[in-house]
Amino acid sequence: MYILISVLIFIVCILLTLIVLVQNSKGGGLASNFASSNQIMGVRKTNDFLEKATWTLAMSLLVLCLAAAMTIPRDEVSPKSQIEKQIQSTPDPSAPLNIPTSTDAAKKNTTQNK
C-alpha cells in the first residue's frame, strides 16, 4: 500500500509541476504561448481551470502524504544494526565474575590426569 501511495505522490508532483509551469504569471509565462490556440478552440477559462487544477493537485498531494505517513511499514524485518548486536552480546557488568581459584585449577588437573 505504501508503494502505491508513493507512486501516486510522484505522479501528482509531476502533474503539479507541469500545471504550475503552464500558468500565466505577471511575465506572461508559458500560458501566453498557448493563449491564441485556446481562443481558436473556444476555451476561454483556461486560467480558472489551471487554478482549480493547482489547488486540487496540492490538496491531493497533502492527503497522499498524510496517507503515506500512516501506512509506513513498521514491522521489524530488517536486520539489527551492529550497535544493537554489540549491546546484546555484551556481558552483564553486574553479574558476578567467574574467576578460577587454586582449588578449581587443582580439580581440573586431577580430572585431566585420570
N, C-alpha and C. Protein backbone atom coordinates (compact mmCIF):
# COMPACT_ATOMS: atom_id res chain seq x y z
N MET A 1 0.82 -1.19 0.00
CA MET A 1 0.00 0.00 0.00
C MET A 1 0.87 1.26 0.00
N TYR A 2 1.95 1.19 0.77
CA TYR A 2 2.85 2.34 0.87
C TYR A 2 3.49 2.65 -0.48
N ILE A 3 3.86 1.62 -1.21
CA ILE A 3 4.50 1.83 -2.51
C ILE A 3 3.51 2.45 -3.50
N LEU A 4 2.27 2.00 -3.47
CA LEU A 4 1.23 2.57 -4.35
C LEU A 4 1.03 4.05 -4.05
N ILE A 5 0.95 4.40 -2.79
CA ILE A 5 0.76 5.81 -2.41
C ILE A 5 1.99 6.62 -2.81
N SER A 6 3.17 6.05 -2.68
CA SER A 6 4.39 6.76 -3.07
C SER A 6 4.42 7.03 -4.57
N VAL A 7 3.97 6.07 -5.36
CA VAL A 7 3.90 6.27 -6.81
C VAL A 7 2.89 7.35 -7.15
N LEU A 8 1.74 7.35 -6.46
CA LEU A 8 0.73 8.39 -6.69
C LEU A 8 1.27 9.77 -6.31
N ILE A 9 2.04 9.85 -5.25
CA ILE A 9 2.64 11.13 -4.86
C ILE A 9 3.59 11.61 -5.94
N PHE A 10 4.37 10.71 -6.49
CA PHE A 10 5.31 11.07 -7.56
C PHE A 10 4.56 11.59 -8.79
N ILE A 11 3.48 10.93 -9.16
CA ILE A 11 2.68 11.35 -10.33
C ILE A 11 2.06 12.72 -10.08
N VAL A 12 1.50 12.93 -8.88
CA VAL A 12 0.89 14.22 -8.55
C VAL A 12 1.93 15.32 -8.57
N CYS A 13 3.14 15.04 -8.10
CA CYS A 13 4.20 16.06 -8.11
C CYS A 13 4.56 16.47 -9.53
N ILE A 14 4.65 15.50 -10.42
CA ILE A 14 4.96 15.81 -11.83
C ILE A 14 3.84 16.64 -12.45
N LEU A 15 2.59 16.23 -12.22
CA LEU A 15 1.46 16.98 -12.78
C LEU A 15 1.40 18.40 -12.21
N LEU A 16 1.63 18.52 -10.92
CA LEU A 16 1.60 19.83 -10.28
C LEU A 16 2.69 20.74 -10.85
N THR A 17 3.86 20.19 -11.09
CA THR A 17 4.94 20.98 -11.69
C THR A 17 4.56 21.46 -13.08
N LEU A 18 3.99 20.57 -13.87
CA LEU A 18 3.59 20.96 -15.22
C LEU A 18 2.48 22.00 -15.22
N ILE A 19 1.51 21.84 -14.33
CA ILE A 19 0.41 22.82 -14.25
C ILE A 19 0.93 24.19 -13.84
N VAL A 20 1.84 24.22 -12.88
CA VAL A 20 2.38 25.50 -12.42
C VAL A 20 3.19 26.17 -13.53
N LEU A 21 3.93 25.39 -14.30
CA LEU A 21 4.71 25.97 -15.38
C LEU A 21 3.84 26.52 -16.51
N VAL A 22 2.67 25.95 -16.70
CA VAL A 22 1.79 26.39 -17.79
C VAL A 22 1.00 27.64 -17.40
N GLN A 23 0.85 27.91 -16.11
CA GLN A 23 0.03 29.03 -15.66
C GLN A 23 0.58 30.38 -16.14
N ASN A 24 -0.31 31.31 -16.28
CA ASN A 24 0.02 32.66 -16.72
C ASN A 24 0.47 33.47 -15.50
N SER A 25 1.68 33.96 -15.55
CA SER A 25 2.18 34.78 -14.46
C SER A 25 2.23 36.23 -14.91
N LYS A 26 2.82 37.11 -14.11
CA LYS A 26 2.91 38.52 -14.47
C LYS A 26 3.76 38.72 -15.71
N GLY A 27 4.75 37.86 -15.90
CA GLY A 27 5.62 37.98 -17.05
C GLY A 27 5.07 37.31 -18.30
N GLY A 28 3.94 36.72 -18.23
CA GLY A 28 3.35 36.06 -19.39
C GLY A 28 3.36 34.55 -19.23
N GLY A 29 4.46 33.97 -18.80
CA GLY A 29 4.56 32.54 -18.57
C GLY A 29 4.39 31.72 -19.83
N LEU A 30 4.32 30.45 -19.67
CA LEU A 30 4.14 29.56 -20.81
C LEU A 30 2.71 29.59 -21.34
N ALA A 31 1.76 29.99 -20.51
CA ALA A 31 0.36 30.02 -20.93
C ALA A 31 0.12 31.07 -22.01
N SER A 32 0.94 32.12 -22.04
CA SER A 32 0.75 33.15 -23.06
C SER A 32 1.04 32.60 -24.46
N ASN A 33 1.89 31.61 -24.57
CA ASN A 33 2.17 31.00 -25.86
C ASN A 33 0.98 30.21 -26.38
N PHE A 34 0.18 29.69 -25.48
CA PHE A 34 -0.97 28.88 -25.87
C PHE A 34 -2.27 29.68 -25.91
N ALA A 35 -2.24 30.93 -25.58
CA ALA A 35 -3.45 31.74 -25.48
C ALA A 35 -4.17 31.84 -26.82
N SER A 36 -3.44 32.04 -27.89
CA SER A 36 -4.10 32.19 -29.19
C SER A 36 -4.73 30.88 -29.63
N SER A 37 -4.09 29.75 -29.36
CA SER A 37 -4.67 28.47 -29.75
C SER A 37 -5.90 28.16 -28.91
N ASN A 38 -5.93 28.60 -27.65
CA ASN A 38 -7.09 28.37 -26.81
C ASN A 38 -8.29 29.18 -27.29
N GLN A 39 -8.05 30.39 -27.78
CA GLN A 39 -9.15 31.20 -28.27
C GLN A 39 -9.70 30.62 -29.56
N ILE A 40 -8.86 30.04 -30.37
CA ILE A 40 -9.32 29.42 -31.61
C ILE A 40 -10.21 28.22 -31.29
N MET A 41 -9.82 27.45 -30.29
CA MET A 41 -10.57 26.24 -29.96
C MET A 41 -11.78 26.55 -29.09
N GLY A 42 -11.94 27.74 -28.60
CA GLY A 42 -13.11 28.11 -27.83
C GLY A 42 -12.97 27.98 -26.33
N VAL A 43 -11.81 27.64 -25.80
CA VAL A 43 -11.62 27.52 -24.36
C VAL A 43 -11.28 28.89 -23.82
N ARG A 44 -12.17 29.47 -23.01
CA ARG A 44 -11.98 30.84 -22.52
C ARG A 44 -11.51 30.90 -21.08
N LYS A 45 -11.79 29.91 -20.30
CA LYS A 45 -11.46 29.98 -18.88
C LYS A 45 -10.29 29.06 -18.53
N THR A 46 -9.23 29.19 -19.30
CA THR A 46 -8.06 28.36 -19.06
C THR A 46 -7.44 28.67 -17.71
N ASN A 47 -7.37 29.94 -17.36
CA ASN A 47 -6.77 30.32 -16.08
C ASN A 47 -7.56 29.76 -14.90
N ASP A 48 -8.90 29.76 -15.00
CA ASP A 48 -9.71 29.19 -13.93
C ASP A 48 -9.45 27.70 -13.80
N PHE A 49 -9.38 27.02 -14.94
CA PHE A 49 -9.13 25.58 -14.91
C PHE A 49 -7.75 25.28 -14.31
N LEU A 50 -6.74 26.05 -14.72
CA LEU A 50 -5.40 25.81 -14.20
C LEU A 50 -5.31 26.10 -12.71
N GLU A 51 -6.01 27.13 -12.26
CA GLU A 51 -6.00 27.45 -10.83
C GLU A 51 -6.69 26.35 -10.03
N LYS A 52 -7.85 25.88 -10.51
CA LYS A 52 -8.55 24.80 -9.82
C LYS A 52 -7.74 23.51 -9.84
N ALA A 53 -7.06 23.25 -10.95
CA ALA A 53 -6.22 22.05 -11.04
C ALA A 53 -5.05 22.14 -10.07
N THR A 54 -4.49 23.33 -9.93
CA THR A 54 -3.38 23.53 -9.00
C THR A 54 -3.81 23.26 -7.57
N TRP A 55 -4.95 23.83 -7.18
CA TRP A 55 -5.44 23.63 -5.82
C TRP A 55 -5.83 22.17 -5.57
N THR A 56 -6.44 21.55 -6.56
CA THR A 56 -6.84 20.15 -6.42
C THR A 56 -5.61 19.25 -6.26
N LEU A 57 -4.61 19.47 -7.10
CA LEU A 57 -3.40 18.65 -7.00
C LEU A 57 -2.65 18.92 -5.70
N ALA A 58 -2.64 20.17 -5.25
CA ALA A 58 -1.96 20.49 -3.99
C ALA A 58 -2.65 19.80 -2.81
N MET A 59 -3.97 19.82 -2.80
CA MET A 59 -4.72 19.17 -1.72
C MET A 59 -4.56 17.65 -1.78
N SER A 60 -4.56 17.10 -2.99
CA SER A 60 -4.38 15.65 -3.11
C SER A 60 -2.97 15.25 -2.69
N LEU A 61 -1.99 16.10 -2.95
CA LEU A 61 -0.63 15.83 -2.50
C LEU A 61 -0.56 15.81 -0.97
N LEU A 62 -1.24 16.74 -0.34
CA LEU A 62 -1.28 16.79 1.12
C LEU A 62 -1.93 15.53 1.68
N VAL A 63 -3.06 15.13 1.12
CA VAL A 63 -3.77 13.94 1.60
C VAL A 63 -2.92 12.68 1.38
N LEU A 64 -2.28 12.59 0.21
CA LEU A 64 -1.45 11.42 -0.08
C LEU A 64 -0.24 11.35 0.85
N CYS A 65 0.34 12.49 1.19
CA CYS A 65 1.47 12.50 2.11
C CYS A 65 1.05 12.04 3.51
N LEU A 66 -0.11 12.48 3.95
CA LEU A 66 -0.62 12.02 5.24
C LEU A 66 -0.92 10.53 5.22
N ALA A 67 -1.50 10.06 4.11
CA ALA A 67 -1.80 8.62 3.99
C ALA A 67 -0.51 7.81 3.96
N ALA A 68 0.51 8.33 3.30
CA ALA A 68 1.78 7.62 3.25
C ALA A 68 2.42 7.54 4.64
N ALA A 69 2.28 8.60 5.40
CA ALA A 69 2.84 8.59 6.76
C ALA A 69 2.14 7.57 7.64
N MET A 70 0.85 7.35 7.40
CA MET A 70 0.11 6.38 8.20
C MET A 70 0.35 4.94 7.76
N THR A 71 0.77 4.74 6.51
CA THR A 71 0.94 3.37 6.01
C THR A 71 2.41 2.95 5.90
N ILE A 72 3.31 3.68 6.53
CA ILE A 72 4.72 3.29 6.50
C ILE A 72 4.85 1.93 7.20
N PRO A 73 5.50 0.98 6.55
CA PRO A 73 5.67 -0.33 7.21
C PRO A 73 6.57 -0.21 8.43
N ARG A 74 6.08 -0.65 9.56
CA ARG A 74 6.82 -0.51 10.81
C ARG A 74 7.24 -1.85 11.40
N ASP A 75 7.04 -2.95 10.69
CA ASP A 75 7.45 -4.24 11.22
C ASP A 75 8.97 -4.35 11.20
N GLU A 76 9.49 -5.16 12.11
CA GLU A 76 10.93 -5.24 12.29
C GLU A 76 11.48 -6.41 11.48
N VAL A 77 11.51 -6.25 10.17
CA VAL A 77 12.02 -7.28 9.27
C VAL A 77 13.50 -7.09 9.01
N SER A 78 13.93 -5.87 8.99
CA SER A 78 15.32 -5.56 8.67
C SER A 78 16.25 -6.07 9.77
N PRO A 79 17.46 -6.46 9.40
CA PRO A 79 18.41 -6.94 10.43
C PRO A 79 18.80 -5.81 11.38
N LYS A 80 19.17 -6.21 12.57
CA LYS A 80 19.54 -5.22 13.58
C LYS A 80 20.88 -4.60 13.23
N SER A 81 21.08 -3.41 13.72
CA SER A 81 22.33 -2.71 13.45
C SER A 81 23.46 -3.34 14.26
N GLN A 82 24.67 -3.00 13.90
CA GLN A 82 25.84 -3.53 14.59
C GLN A 82 25.86 -3.10 16.06
N ILE A 83 25.40 -1.90 16.32
CA ILE A 83 25.39 -1.40 17.71
C ILE A 83 24.43 -2.22 18.55
N GLU A 84 23.24 -2.52 18.02
CA GLU A 84 22.28 -3.32 18.78
C GLU A 84 22.81 -4.73 19.03
N LYS A 85 23.48 -5.32 18.04
CA LYS A 85 24.06 -6.65 18.21
C LYS A 85 25.15 -6.63 19.28
N GLN A 86 25.97 -5.58 19.28
CA GLN A 86 27.05 -5.47 20.25
C GLN A 86 26.50 -5.28 21.66
N ILE A 87 25.44 -4.49 21.78
CA ILE A 87 24.84 -4.27 23.10
C ILE A 87 24.28 -5.56 23.66
N GLN A 88 23.63 -6.36 22.80
CA GLN A 88 23.03 -7.60 23.27
C GLN A 88 24.08 -8.68 23.57
N SER A 89 25.23 -8.61 22.89
CA SER A 89 26.25 -9.63 23.14
C SER A 89 27.20 -9.25 24.29
N THR A 90 27.11 -8.03 24.79
CA THR A 90 27.96 -7.59 25.89
C THR A 90 27.51 -8.26 27.18
N PRO A 91 28.44 -8.82 27.95
CA PRO A 91 28.04 -9.47 29.21
C PRO A 91 27.54 -8.44 30.22
N ASP A 92 26.73 -8.93 31.12
CA ASP A 92 26.14 -8.07 32.15
C ASP A 92 27.23 -7.66 33.14
N PRO A 93 27.47 -6.35 33.30
CA PRO A 93 28.54 -5.93 34.22
C PRO A 93 28.19 -6.15 35.68
N SER A 94 26.94 -6.32 36.02
CA SER A 94 26.57 -6.52 37.42
C SER A 94 26.61 -8.00 37.80
N ALA A 95 26.83 -8.89 36.83
CA ALA A 95 26.91 -10.32 37.13
C ALA A 95 28.24 -10.61 37.84
N PRO A 96 28.21 -11.59 38.74
CA PRO A 96 29.46 -11.91 39.45
C PRO A 96 30.48 -12.52 38.49
N LEU A 97 31.73 -12.18 38.70
CA LEU A 97 32.80 -12.67 37.84
C LEU A 97 33.11 -14.12 38.17
N ASN A 98 33.43 -14.89 37.17
CA ASN A 98 33.81 -16.28 37.36
C ASN A 98 35.32 -16.39 37.26
N ILE A 99 36.01 -16.16 38.39
CA ILE A 99 37.47 -16.17 38.44
C ILE A 99 37.91 -17.53 38.97
N PRO A 100 38.75 -18.21 38.21
CA PRO A 100 39.19 -19.54 38.70
C PRO A 100 40.10 -19.40 39.93
N THR A 101 39.89 -20.25 40.87
CA THR A 101 40.71 -20.25 42.09
C THR A 101 41.69 -21.41 42.02
N SER A 102 42.55 -21.53 43.01
CA SER A 102 43.54 -22.60 43.01
C SER A 102 42.88 -23.96 43.17
N THR A 103 41.76 -24.03 43.88
CA THR A 103 41.09 -25.32 44.05
C THR A 103 40.45 -25.76 42.73
N ASP A 104 39.97 -24.80 41.96
CA ASP A 104 39.39 -25.13 40.65
C ASP A 104 40.46 -25.65 39.72
N ALA A 105 41.66 -25.05 39.76
CA ALA A 105 42.75 -25.49 38.91
C ALA A 105 43.22 -26.87 39.33
N ALA A 106 43.25 -27.14 40.63
CA ALA A 106 43.67 -28.46 41.12
C ALA A 106 42.67 -29.53 40.70
N LYS A 107 41.40 -29.24 40.78
CA LYS A 107 40.37 -30.19 40.36
C LYS A 107 40.48 -30.47 38.87
N LYS A 108 40.78 -29.45 38.09
CA LYS A 108 40.91 -29.58 36.64
C LYS A 108 42.11 -30.47 36.31
N ASN A 109 43.22 -30.28 37.03
CA ASN A 109 44.43 -31.09 36.79
C ASN A 109 44.21 -32.54 37.16
N THR A 110 43.51 -32.78 38.23
CA THR A 110 43.27 -34.16 38.65
C THR A 110 42.33 -34.88 37.70
N THR A 111 41.35 -34.17 37.13
CA THR A 111 40.44 -34.82 36.17
C THR A 111 41.13 -35.06 34.85
N GLN A 112 42.10 -34.25 34.50
CA GLN A 112 42.83 -34.45 33.25
C GLN A 112 43.83 -35.61 33.39
N ASN A 113 44.41 -35.78 34.56
CA ASN A 113 45.40 -36.85 34.77
C ASN A 113 44.74 -38.21 34.79
N LYS A 114 43.50 -38.33 35.11
CA LYS A 114 42.82 -39.61 35.19
C LYS A 114 42.46 -40.08 33.87
